[in-house]
C-alpha atoms as a PDB file:
ATOM      1  CA  MET A   1     -92.226   2.241 -30.136  1.00  0.00           C
ATOM      2  CA  MET A   2     -93.468  -1.155 -28.995  1.00  0.00           C
ATOM      3  CA  ILE A   3     -94.179  -1.538 -25.294  1.00  0.00           C
ATOM      4  CA  ALA A   4     -92.436  -4.574 -23.844  1.00  0.00           C
ATOM      5  CA  GLN A   5     -93.507  -5.727 -20.401  1.00  0.00           C
ATOM      6  CA  THR A   6     -90.630  -5.810 -17.934  1.00  0.00           C
ATOM      7  CA  ASP A   7     -90.159  -6.567 -14.255  1.00  0.00           C
ATOM      8  CA  ASP A   8     -89.602  -2.844 -13.670  1.00  0.00           C
ATOM      9  CA  PRO A   9     -92.919  -0.968 -13.435  1.00  0.00           C
ATOM     10  CA  ILE A  10     -91.215   2.432 -13.785  1.00  0.00           C
ATOM     11  CA  ARG A  11     -89.598   1.328 -17.056  1.00  0.00           C
ATOM     12  CA  ASP A  12     -93.007   0.249 -18.306  1.00  0.00           C
ATOM     13  CA  VAL A  13     -94.387   3.665 -17.346  1.00  0.00           C
ATOM     14  CA  ALA A  14     -91.440   5.361 -19.091  1.00  0.00           C
ATOM     15  CA  GLU A  15     -92.299   3.482 -22.296  1.00  0.00           C
ATOM     16  CA  GLN A  16     -95.904   4.621 -21.996  1.00  0.00           C
ATOM     17  CA  VAL A  17     -94.794   8.222 -21.403  1.00  0.00           C
ATOM     18  CA  ALA A  18     -92.511   8.020 -24.447  1.00  0.00           C
ATOM     19  CA  ASP A  19     -95.380   6.720 -26.560  1.00  0.00           C
ATOM     20  CA  SER A  20     -97.709   9.418 -25.261  1.00  0.00           C
ATOM     21  CA  LEU A  21     -95.222  12.174 -26.076  1.00  0.00           C
ATOM     22  CA  SER A  22     -94.831  10.788 -29.581  1.00  0.00           C
ATOM     23  CA  HIS A  23     -98.562  10.328 -30.219  1.00  0.00           C
ATOM     24  CA  ARG A  24     -99.201  13.941 -29.278  1.00  0.00           C
ATOM     25  CA  GLY A  25     -96.417  15.202 -31.528  1.00  0.00           C
ATOM     26  CA  TYR A  26     -94.525  16.661 -28.589  1.00  0.00           C
ATOM     27  CA  ALA A  27     -91.303  14.633 -28.743  1.00  0.00           C
ATOM     28  CA  PHE A  28     -90.018  11.336 -30.051  1.00  0.00           C
ATOM     29  CA  VAL A  29     -88.090   9.329 -27.468  1.00  0.00           C
ATOM     30  CA  GLU A  30     -85.675   6.839 -29.029  1.00  0.00           C
ATOM     31  CA  ASP A  31     -85.654   3.325 -27.563  1.00  0.00           C
ATOM     32  CA  ASP A  32     -82.175   3.859 -26.110  1.00  0.00           C
ATOM     33  CA  LYS A  33     -83.482   6.865 -24.158  1.00  0.00           C
ATOM     34  CA  VAL A  34     -86.269   4.987 -22.322  1.00  0.00           C
ATOM     35  CA  GLU A  35     -83.925   3.874 -19.514  1.00  0.00           C
ATOM     36  CA  PRO A  36     -82.760   7.464 -18.837  1.00  0.00           C
ATOM     37  CA  LEU A  37     -86.419   8.553 -18.886  1.00  0.00           C
ATOM     38  CA  ALA A  38     -87.220   5.847 -16.311  1.00  0.00           C
ATOM     39  CA  ALA A  39     -84.318   7.043 -14.151  1.00  0.00           C
ATOM     40  CA  THR A  40     -85.627  10.610 -14.416  1.00  0.00           C
ATOM     41  CA  LEU A  41     -89.108   9.500 -13.381  1.00  0.00           C
ATOM     42  CA  ARG A  42     -87.646   7.642 -10.379  1.00  0.00           C
ATOM     43  CA  ALA A  43     -85.611  10.718  -9.408  1.00  0.00           C
ATOM     44  CA  PHE A  44     -88.670  12.974  -9.752  1.00  0.00           C
ATOM     45  CA  LEU A  45     -90.807  10.722  -7.557  1.00  0.00           C
ATOM     46  CA  GLN A  46     -88.073  10.532  -4.950  1.00  0.00           C
ATOM     47  CA  ALA A  47     -87.429  14.308  -4.979  1.00  0.00           C
ATOM     48  CA  ALA A  48     -91.165  15.037  -4.758  1.00  0.00           C
ATOM     49  CA  GLY A  49     -91.524  12.633  -1.833  1.00  0.00           C
ATOM     50  CA  ILE A  50     -93.955  10.418  -3.725  1.00  0.00           C
ATOM     51  CA  PRO A  51     -93.699   6.808  -2.516  1.00  0.00           C
ATOM     52  CA  LEU A  52     -93.593   4.049  -5.086  1.00  0.00           C
ATOM     53  CA  ASN A  53     -95.989   1.134  -5.018  1.00  0.00           C
ATOM     54  CA  VAL A  54     -93.896  -1.808  -6.150  1.00  0.00           C
ATOM     55  CA  ALA A  55     -95.559  -5.237  -6.338  1.00  0.00           C
ATOM     56  CA  GLY A  56     -98.512  -3.953  -4.333  1.00  0.00           C
ATOM     57  CA  GLU A  57     -96.461  -2.696  -1.395  1.00  0.00           C
ATOM     58  CA  ALA A  58     -95.686   0.954  -0.760  1.00  0.00           C
ATOM     59  CA  GLU A  59     -91.978   1.678  -0.732  1.00  0.00           C
ATOM     60  CA  PRO A  60     -90.662   4.303   1.662  1.00  0.00           C
ATOM     61  CA  VAL A  61     -89.395   7.476   0.021  1.00  0.00           C
ATOM     62  CA  GLY A  62     -85.644   7.328  -0.460  1.00  0.00           C
ATOM     63  CA  SER A  63     -85.421   3.538  -0.324  1.00  0.00           C
ATOM     64  CA  ALA A  64     -82.549   1.801  -2.067  1.00  0.00           C
ATOM     65  CA  ALA A  65     -84.866   0.402  -4.750  1.00  0.00           C
ATOM     66  CA  ILE A  66     -85.535   3.822  -6.233  1.00  0.00           C
END
């Protein structure tokens, strides 16, 4: 998988997670599954109460941008 820089930091992280899973032989994440992985990461962060730092500013938990 080739990492393409986007305006969505969570999508970029999802691509890195997908690559990491593949490199370790754990799972191969198809390109069309990176968006659902990003959505899962967002949902996890929100459910765990972990605020996102988007563009250098902390986002409140549960904000509309998540």
